[in-house]
Amino acid sequence: MKDELGLDYPVLSDEDLKLIRKVELVDPQFPKALRGFAVLDKNGKVLHSEEIDPFGEQASAIFEFASKKVADGK
């Protein structure tokens, strides 16, 4: 997917919700992810996590925000 979209950063899949639980984006009523995003540094530290719905309307702003968070390291 990374290559298909021409992205400069990895995109993850988390079928077991391990990372989703770490970034606190798991739905408390069902075993599924909430719509949102998380920014992690290269060591796996969560820099930011936010539930956001509808996600699609915010996607371009999220990419810019995430890039800035990673650059700032916080």
C-alpha atoms as a PDB file:
ATOM      1  CA  MET A   1       0.000   0.000   0.000  1.00  0.00           C
ATOM      2  CA  LYS A   2       2.901   2.351   0.787  1.00  0.00           C
ATOM      3  CA  ASP A   3       4.304   1.996  -2.738  1.00  0.00           C
ATOM      4  CA  GLU A   4       0.865   2.034  -4.349  1.00  0.00           C
ATOM      5  CA  LEU A   5       0.079   5.406  -2.731  1.00  0.00           C
ATOM      6  CA  GLY A   6       3.590   6.812  -3.154  1.00  0.00           C
ATOM      7  CA  LEU A   7       4.032   7.380   0.591  1.00  0.00           C
ATOM      8  CA  ASP A   8       7.352   8.119   2.309  1.00  0.00           C
ATOM      9  CA  TYR A   9       6.308   6.394   5.547  1.00  0.00           C
ATOM     10  CA  PRO A  10       5.066   2.934   6.537  1.00  0.00           C
ATOM     11  CA  VAL A  11       1.409   1.994   6.761  1.00  0.00           C
ATOM     12  CA  LEU A  12       0.492  -0.747   9.246  1.00  0.00           C
ATOM     13  CA  SER A  13      -2.198  -3.385   9.524  1.00  0.00           C
ATOM     14  CA  ASP A  14      -3.169  -4.587  13.008  1.00  0.00           C
ATOM     15  CA  GLU A  15      -5.573  -7.540  12.757  1.00  0.00           C
ATOM     16  CA  ASP A  16      -5.066  -8.526  16.424  1.00  0.00           C
ATOM     17  CA  LEU A  17      -5.559  -4.921  17.665  1.00  0.00           C
ATOM     18  CA  LYS A  18      -2.271  -5.014  19.596  1.00  0.00           C
ATOM     19  CA  LEU A  19      -1.143  -1.595  18.410  1.00  0.00           C
ATOM     20  CA  ILE A  20      -4.697  -0.238  18.433  1.00  0.00           C
ATOM     21  CA  ARG A  21      -4.897  -1.048  22.159  1.00  0.00           C
ATOM     22  CA  LYS A  22      -1.485   0.570  22.776  1.00  0.00           C
ATOM     23  CA  VAL A  23      -2.644   3.845  21.213  1.00  0.00           C
ATOM     24  CA  GLU A  24      -6.026   3.569  22.971  1.00  0.00           C
ATOM     25  CA  LEU A  25      -8.145   3.483  19.817  1.00  0.00           C
ATOM     26  CA  VAL A  26     -10.035   0.247  20.479  1.00  0.00           C
ATOM     27  CA  ASP A  27     -13.827   0.399  20.651  1.00  0.00           C
ATOM     28  CA  PRO A  28     -14.869  -0.431  24.247  1.00  0.00           C
ATOM     29  CA  GLN A  29     -18.044  -2.193  23.040  1.00  0.00           C
ATOM     30  CA  PHE A  30     -16.605  -4.315  20.216  1.00  0.00           C
ATOM     31  CA  PRO A  31     -13.214  -5.806  19.370  1.00  0.00           C
ATOM     32  CA  LYS A  32     -12.517  -3.316  16.582  1.00  0.00           C
ATOM     33  CA  ALA A  33     -10.579  -0.129  16.021  1.00  0.00           C
ATOM     34  CA  LEU A  34     -12.120   3.288  16.363  1.00  0.00           C
ATOM     35  CA  ARG A  35     -11.639   5.682  13.472  1.00  0.00           C
ATOM     36  CA  GLY A  36      -8.695   7.864  14.177  1.00  0.00           C
ATOM     37  CA  PHE A  37      -4.955   8.039  13.925  1.00  0.00           C
ATOM     38  CA  ALA A  38      -1.829   7.682  15.986  1.00  0.00           C
ATOM     39  CA  VAL A  39       1.674   9.005  15.520  1.00  0.00           C
ATOM     40  CA  LEU A  40       4.562   6.895  16.811  1.00  0.00           C
ATOM     41  CA  ASP A  41       8.265   7.628  16.732  1.00  0.00           C
ATOM     42  CA  LYS A  42      10.797   5.183  15.291  1.00  0.00           C
ATOM     43  CA  ASN A  43      11.088   3.473  18.707  1.00  0.00           C
ATOM     44  CA  GLY A  44       7.351   2.866  19.008  1.00  0.00           C
ATOM     45  CA  LYS A  45       6.658   5.645  21.511  1.00  0.00           C
ATOM     46  CA  VAL A  46       3.165   7.070  21.050  1.00  0.00           C
ATOM     47  CA  LEU A  47       3.525  10.768  20.241  1.00  0.00           C
ATOM     48  CA  HIS A  48      -0.169  11.404  19.657  1.00  0.00           C
ATOM     49  CA  SER A  49      -3.400   9.436  19.407  1.00  0.00           C
ATOM     50  CA  GLU A  50      -6.777  10.840  18.484  1.00  0.00           C
ATOM     51  CA  GLU A  51     -10.188   9.447  17.628  1.00  0.00           C
ATOM     52  CA  ILE A  52     -11.575  11.330  14.653  1.00  0.00           C
ATOM     53  CA  ASP A  53     -14.711  10.651  12.682  1.00  0.00           C
ATOM     54  CA  PRO A  54     -15.294  11.044   9.825  1.00  0.00           C
ATOM     55  CA  PHE A  55     -11.644  10.219   9.183  1.00  0.00           C
ATOM     56  CA  GLY A  56     -11.727  10.615   5.400  1.00  0.00           C
ATOM     57  CA  GLU A  57     -12.641  14.286   5.524  1.00  0.00           C
ATOM     58  CA  GLN A  58      -9.563  15.001   7.653  1.00  0.00           C
ATOM     59  CA  ALA A  59      -6.999  12.734   5.967  1.00  0.00           C
ATOM     60  CA  SER A  60      -4.860  15.392   4.280  1.00  0.00           C
ATOM     61  CA  ALA A  61      -4.654  17.503   7.451  1.00  0.00           C
ATOM     62  CA  ILE A  62      -3.787  14.380   9.488  1.00  0.00           C
ATOM     63  CA  PHE A  63      -0.809  13.561   7.258  1.00  0.00           C
ATOM     64  CA  GLU A  64       0.534  17.098   7.651  1.00  0.00           C
ATOM     65  CA  PHE A  65      -0.068  17.028  11.438  1.00  0.00           C
ATOM     66  CA  ALA A  66       1.611  13.614  11.784  1.00  0.00           C
ATOM     67  CA  SER A  67       4.647  14.696   9.792  1.00  0.00           C
ATOM     68  CA  LYS A  68       5.060  17.712  12.059  1.00  0.00           C
ATOM     69  CA  LYS A  69       4.701  15.592  15.218  1.00  0.00           C
ATOM     70  CA  VAL A  70       7.388  13.186  14.041  1.00  0.00           C
ATOM     71  CA  ALA A  71       9.708  16.067  13.089  1.00  0.00           C
ATOM     72  CA  ASP A  72       9.166  17.681  16.503  1.00  0.00           C
ATOM     73  CA  GLY A  73       9.504  14.333  18.300  1.00  0.00           C
ATOM     74  CA  LYS A  74       6.579  15.102  20.591  1.00  0.00           C
END
